Amino acid sequence: MFLAQVLGSVVSTVKHQSYDGTKLMVVQPVSPGGTVTEDSLLAVDTVGAGPGETVLVLRQGVAAAQVLGIDRPPIRSVIVGIVDPVDTSNLRRLK
């Protein structure tokens, strides 16, 4: 699971049937402080997230199947939560 910022949505008129009724979003993985940590990716939105919001993303096929209730979907990343604040004041820094 990781934090990401929603960059926008993706519209596709032809797609696998497992994506029917879903909203695809482009997300940018970020650190708790908001720094970009890796390349952007697509994720299925299950919570109604919008551009600019910070979200929690699961990046496991089995988790996606459980969240979406689909047996073996061709989906790897799923947005499972919208994050309000991120408080890093109590985090210990690793050396």
C-alpha atoms as a PDB file:
ATOM      1  CA  MET A   1       0.000   0.000   0.000  1.00  0.00           C
ATOM      2  CA  PHE A   2       1.300   3.475  -0.784  1.00  0.00           C
ATOM      3  CA  LEU A   3       0.297   7.126  -0.863  1.00  0.00           C
ATOM      4  CA  ALA A   4      -0.328   8.809  -4.200  1.00  0.00           C
ATOM      5  CA  GLN A   5      -1.692  12.038  -5.606  1.00  0.00           C
ATOM      6  CA  VAL A   6      -4.435  11.784  -8.222  1.00  0.00           C
ATOM      7  CA  LEU A   7      -3.323  13.529 -11.421  1.00  0.00           C
ATOM      8  CA  GLY A   8      -6.466  12.957 -13.484  1.00  0.00           C
ATOM      9  CA  SER A   9      -8.749  10.414 -15.099  1.00  0.00           C
ATOM     10  CA  VAL A  10      -8.426   8.171 -18.140  1.00  0.00           C
ATOM     11  CA  VAL A  11     -11.262   7.631 -20.611  1.00  0.00           C
ATOM     12  CA  SER A  12     -11.322   4.478 -22.719  1.00  0.00           C
ATOM     13  CA  THR A  13     -14.143   3.497 -25.037  1.00  0.00           C
ATOM     14  CA  VAL A  14     -12.804  -0.024 -25.591  1.00  0.00           C
ATOM     15  CA  LYS A  15     -11.613  -1.920 -22.528  1.00  0.00           C
ATOM     16  CA  HIS A  16     -11.616  -5.320 -20.826  1.00  0.00           C
ATOM     17  CA  GLN A  17     -14.998  -6.229 -19.330  1.00  0.00           C
ATOM     18  CA  SER A  18     -13.475  -6.215 -15.816  1.00  0.00           C
ATOM     19  CA  TYR A  19     -13.127  -2.437 -16.164  1.00  0.00           C
ATOM     20  CA  ASP A  20     -16.831  -1.903 -16.970  1.00  0.00           C
ATOM     21  CA  GLY A  21     -18.373   0.458 -14.432  1.00  0.00           C
ATOM     22  CA  THR A  22     -15.012   1.521 -13.029  1.00  0.00           C
ATOM     23  CA  LYS A  23     -13.198   4.839 -13.118  1.00  0.00           C
ATOM     24  CA  LEU A  24      -9.515   4.778 -14.093  1.00  0.00           C
ATOM     25  CA  MET A  25      -7.253   7.394 -12.556  1.00  0.00           C
ATOM     26  CA  VAL A  26      -3.637   8.408 -13.147  1.00  0.00           C
ATOM     27  CA  VAL A  27      -1.889   8.485  -9.762  1.00  0.00           C
ATOM     28  CA  GLN A  28       1.568   9.725  -8.765  1.00  0.00           C
ATOM     29  CA  PRO A  29       3.178   7.834  -5.841  1.00  0.00           C
ATOM     30  CA  VAL A  30       4.409  10.268  -3.171  1.00  0.00           C
ATOM     31  CA  SER A  31       6.123  10.163   0.215  1.00  0.00           C
ATOM     32  CA  PRO A  32       4.189  11.225   3.336  1.00  0.00           C
ATOM     33  CA  GLY A  33       5.768  14.661   2.833  1.00  0.00           C
ATOM     34  CA  GLY A  34       4.463  14.879  -0.740  1.00  0.00           C
ATOM     35  CA  THR A  35       7.714  14.217  -2.632  1.00  0.00           C
ATOM     36  CA  VAL A  36       7.365  12.164  -5.817  1.00  0.00           C
ATOM     37  CA  THR A  37       8.773   8.670  -5.209  1.00  0.00           C
ATOM     38  CA  GLU A  38       8.324   6.835  -8.530  1.00  0.00           C
ATOM     39  CA  ASP A  39       6.644   6.970 -11.940  1.00  0.00           C
ATOM     40  CA  SER A  40       2.912   7.555 -12.262  1.00  0.00           C
ATOM     41  CA  LEU A  41       0.555   4.646 -12.924  1.00  0.00           C
ATOM     42  CA  LEU A  42      -3.098   3.791 -13.518  1.00  0.00           C
ATOM     43  CA  ALA A  43      -5.379   2.679 -10.707  1.00  0.00           C
ATOM     44  CA  VAL A  44      -9.050   1.762 -10.509  1.00  0.00           C
ATOM     45  CA  ASP A  45     -10.926   4.203  -8.267  1.00  0.00           C
ATOM     46  CA  THR A  46     -13.279   2.591  -5.740  1.00  0.00           C
ATOM     47  CA  VAL A  47     -13.832   5.631  -3.502  1.00  0.00           C
ATOM     48  CA  GLY A  48     -14.687   8.573  -5.777  1.00  0.00           C
ATOM     49  CA  ALA A  49     -11.304  10.318  -5.682  1.00  0.00           C
ATOM     50  CA  GLY A  50     -10.630  13.394  -7.757  1.00  0.00           C
ATOM     51  CA  PRO A  51      -7.641  15.261  -9.201  1.00  0.00           C
ATOM     52  CA  GLY A  52      -5.337  16.739  -6.569  1.00  0.00           C
ATOM     53  CA  GLU A  53      -6.450  14.422  -3.771  1.00  0.00           C
ATOM     54  CA  THR A  54      -4.042  12.227  -1.834  1.00  0.00           C
ATOM     55  CA  VAL A  55      -5.128   8.595  -1.849  1.00  0.00           C
ATOM     56  CA  LEU A  56      -4.149   5.153  -0.572  1.00  0.00           C
ATOM     57  CA  VAL A  57      -3.415   2.676  -3.349  1.00  0.00           C
ATOM     58  CA  LEU A  58      -3.127  -1.107  -3.147  1.00  0.00           C
ATOM     59  CA  ARG A  59      -0.798  -2.553  -5.756  1.00  0.00           C
ATOM     60  CA  GLN A  60      -1.495  -6.278  -5.640  1.00  0.00           C
ATOM     61  CA  GLY A  61      -3.685  -8.293  -7.982  1.00  0.00           C
ATOM     62  CA  VAL A  62      -5.145 -10.401  -5.172  1.00  0.00           C
ATOM     63  CA  ALA A  63      -6.110  -7.285  -3.195  1.00  0.00           C
ATOM     64  CA  ALA A  64      -7.697  -5.764  -6.299  1.00  0.00           C
ATOM     65  CA  ALA A  65      -9.755  -8.917  -6.804  1.00  0.00           C
ATOM     66  CA  GLN A  66     -10.979  -8.807  -3.197  1.00  0.00           C
ATOM     67  CA  VAL A  67     -11.822  -5.095  -3.243  1.00  0.00           C
ATOM     68  CA  LEU A  68     -13.628  -5.300  -6.599  1.00  0.00           C
ATOM     69  CA  GLY A  69     -15.260  -8.675  -5.944  1.00  0.00           C
ATOM     70  CA  ILE A  70     -13.977 -10.048  -9.272  1.00  0.00           C
ATOM     71  CA  ASP A  71     -12.199 -13.372  -9.656  1.00  0.00           C
ATOM     72  CA  ARG A  72      -8.724 -12.837 -11.180  1.00  0.00           C
ATOM     73  CA  PRO A  73      -9.227  -9.401 -12.755  1.00  0.00           C
ATOM     74  CA  PRO A  74      -6.575  -7.916 -15.066  1.00  0.00           C
ATOM     75  CA  ILE A  75      -6.228  -5.105 -12.523  1.00  0.00           C
ATOM     76  CA  ARG A  76      -3.219  -4.546 -10.307  1.00  0.00           C
ATOM     77  CA  SER A  77      -3.701  -1.136  -8.627  1.00  0.00           C
ATOM     78  CA  VAL A  78      -6.797   0.020  -6.763  1.00  0.00           C
ATOM     79  CA  ILE A  79      -7.514   3.282  -4.934  1.00  0.00           C
ATOM     80  CA  VAL A  80      -8.983   2.236  -1.577  1.00  0.00           C
ATOM     81  CA  GLY A  81      -9.033   5.452   0.453  1.00  0.00           C
ATOM     82  CA  ILE A  82      -8.877   9.232   0.349  1.00  0.00           C
ATOM     83  CA  VAL A  83      -6.349  10.692   2.776  1.00  0.00           C
ATOM     84  CA  ASP A  84      -7.162  13.860   4.667  1.00  0.00           C
ATOM     85  CA  PRO A  85      -4.034  14.974   6.522  1.00  0.00           C
ATOM     86  CA  VAL A  86      -0.711  13.148   6.756  1.00  0.00           C
ATOM     87  CA  ASP A  87       0.973  13.756  10.112  1.00  0.00           C
ATOM     88  CA  THR A  88       4.674  12.917  10.039  1.00  0.00           C
ATOM     89  CA  SER A  89       5.606  14.663  13.289  1.00  0.00           C
ATOM     90  CA  ASN A  90       5.968  11.403  15.237  1.00  0.00           C
ATOM     91  CA  LEU A  91       7.875   9.443  12.602  1.00  0.00           C
ATOM     92  CA  ARG A  92      11.411   8.455  13.479  1.00  0.00           C
ATOM     93  CA  ARG A  93      13.954   9.014  10.748  1.00  0.00           C
ATOM     94  CA  LEU A  94      15.946   5.949   9.705  1.00  0.00           C
ATOM     95  CA  LYS A  95      19.693   6.498   9.454  1.00  0.00           C
END
